[in-house]
Protein backbone atom coordinates (compact mmCIF):
# COMPACT_ATOMS: atom_id res chain seq x y z
CA MET A 1 8.32 -5.81 -31.40
CA LYS A 2 5.96 -8.67 -30.60
CA PHE A 3 4.06 -6.41 -28.18
CA LEU A 4 3.57 -3.76 -30.86
CA GLN A 5 2.55 -6.33 -33.46
CA ARG A 6 0.04 -7.83 -31.07
CA HIS A 7 -1.46 -4.70 -29.48
CA LEU A 8 -1.46 -1.95 -32.08
CA GLU A 9 -4.60 -2.06 -34.17
CA ASN A 10 -4.09 -2.90 -37.82
CA PHE A 11 -4.28 -0.12 -40.39
CA THR A 12 -7.27 -1.51 -42.25
CA GLU A 13 -8.58 -0.14 -45.54
CA ALA A 14 -11.48 1.39 -43.60
CA ARG A 15 -9.09 3.24 -41.29
CA ARG A 16 -6.97 4.31 -44.24
CA ALA A 17 -10.04 5.64 -46.09
CA ARG A 18 -11.03 7.69 -43.03
CA GLY A 19 -7.48 8.97 -42.61
CA ASP A 20 -7.52 7.39 -39.16
CA TRP A 21 -3.87 7.79 -38.24
CA ARG A 22 -2.98 7.54 -34.56
CA LEU A 23 -0.21 8.82 -32.33
CA LEU A 24 1.96 6.42 -30.36
CA PHE A 25 3.66 8.31 -27.54
CA LEU A 26 6.89 6.71 -26.34
CA ASP A 27 9.30 7.88 -23.69
CA ALA A 28 12.97 8.53 -24.32
CA PHE A 29 14.03 4.94 -23.68
CA LYS A 30 16.80 3.79 -26.02
CA PRO A 31 14.99 0.71 -27.45
CA HIS A 32 12.04 2.93 -28.42
CA PHE A 33 14.32 4.76 -30.88
CA ASP A 34 14.98 1.60 -32.89
CA GLN A 35 13.87 2.10 -36.50
CA LEU A 36 11.96 -1.20 -36.33
CA VAL A 37 9.66 0.33 -33.70
CA VAL A 38 8.90 3.25 -36.01
CA ASP A 39 8.41 0.92 -38.99
CA VAL A 40 5.99 -1.40 -37.18
CA ALA A 41 4.01 1.55 -35.83
CA TRP A 42 3.85 3.18 -39.27
CA SER A 43 2.67 -0.07 -40.90
CA LYS A 44 -0.22 -0.12 -38.44
CA GLY A 45 -1.17 3.52 -38.98
CA TYR A 46 0.62 5.01 -35.98
CA VAL A 47 3.00 7.95 -35.94
CA VAL A 48 5.61 7.69 -33.18
CA VAL A 49 6.03 10.78 -31.00
CA TYR A 50 8.68 10.85 -28.30
CA HIS A 51 8.36 12.72 -25.04
CA GLY A 52 11.41 13.61 -23.01
CA GLY A 53 12.64 12.01 -19.83
CA GLY A 54 11.06 13.04 -16.55
CA THR A 55 7.70 13.89 -18.09
CA THR A 56 5.78 10.69 -17.34
CA GLY A 57 4.36 12.08 -14.09
CA VAL A 58 3.00 15.07 -16.00
CA THR A 59 1.68 13.32 -19.10
CA GLN A 60 0.33 10.15 -17.48
CA VAL A 61 -2.52 10.16 -15.01
CA ASN A 62 -1.31 8.63 -11.76
CA ASP A 63 -4.32 6.88 -10.28
CA THR A 64 -2.77 6.78 -6.83
CA ASP A 65 -2.68 10.59 -6.80
CA CYS A 66 -6.14 11.10 -8.26
CA HIS A 67 -8.21 8.49 -6.48
CA GLY A 68 -8.11 8.49 -2.68
CA CYS A 69 -9.53 4.97 -2.25
CA LEU A 70 -6.95 3.43 -4.56
CA GLU A 71 -4.16 5.43 -2.95
CA LYS A 72 -5.18 4.19 0.51
CA GLU A 73 -5.21 0.54 -0.61
CA TYR A 74 -1.92 0.91 -2.46
CA MET A 75 -0.25 2.49 0.58
CA GLU A 76 -1.47 -0.41 2.76
CA VAL A 77 0.04 -2.94 0.33
CA GLU A 78 3.31 -0.98 0.27
CA ALA A 79 3.43 -0.84 4.10
CA HIS A 80 2.73 -4.58 4.33
CA THR A 81 5.49 -5.32 1.81
CA LEU A 82 7.97 -3.10 3.63
CA MET A 83 7.26 -4.97 6.86
CA HIS A 84 7.99 -8.30 5.14
CA GLN A 85 11.15 -6.93 3.55
CA GLN A 86 12.43 -5.75 6.93
CA MET A 87 11.67 -9.12 8.52
CA LEU A 88 13.58 -10.97 5.78
CA ASP A 89 16.68 -8.82 6.16
CA PRO A 90 16.48 -5.61 8.23
CA GLY A 91 19.57 -4.20 6.56
CA ASP A 92 18.36 -4.68 2.96
CA ILE A 93 14.86 -3.71 1.83
CA SER A 94 15.69 -3.63 -1.87
CA ARG A 95 13.63 -6.71 -2.81
CA SER A 96 10.50 -6.41 -4.94
CA ARG A 97 7.01 -7.06 -3.60
CA GLN A 98 7.05 -10.47 -5.30
CA GLN A 99 10.32 -11.44 -3.64
CA ALA A 100 9.08 -10.38 -0.19
CA HIS A 101 6.04 -12.65 -0.20
C-alpha cells in the first residue's frame, strides 16, 4: 500500500478535468486482489486491470531478449554467479546472487 501511495500519481483537479484516468495492470498475485489496492488506485485516478498468470513474458518487454548487448552482459553476470555458487557448495546452487558474493 505504501508503494502505491508513493508511486501512483495523484488524481489532481487538472487530471480529473481532462478525464485523465489511467490503467494499472497487475498480475494475478493474491495480494493484488485486496480491495485496499483497488481503493488506493481508484483514489489516484487508476483503474485496476488484472492479467492472468503466465502472461508476463508476453505483456512485458524483456530487455535481455530484445537487446543483445544487455543480454550478453547479463549472461556473463549469471555465469560468474553460478561459478561462485558452485565453489561455495557444489551440491547446492540455490543461493541468490547476493548470497554468492
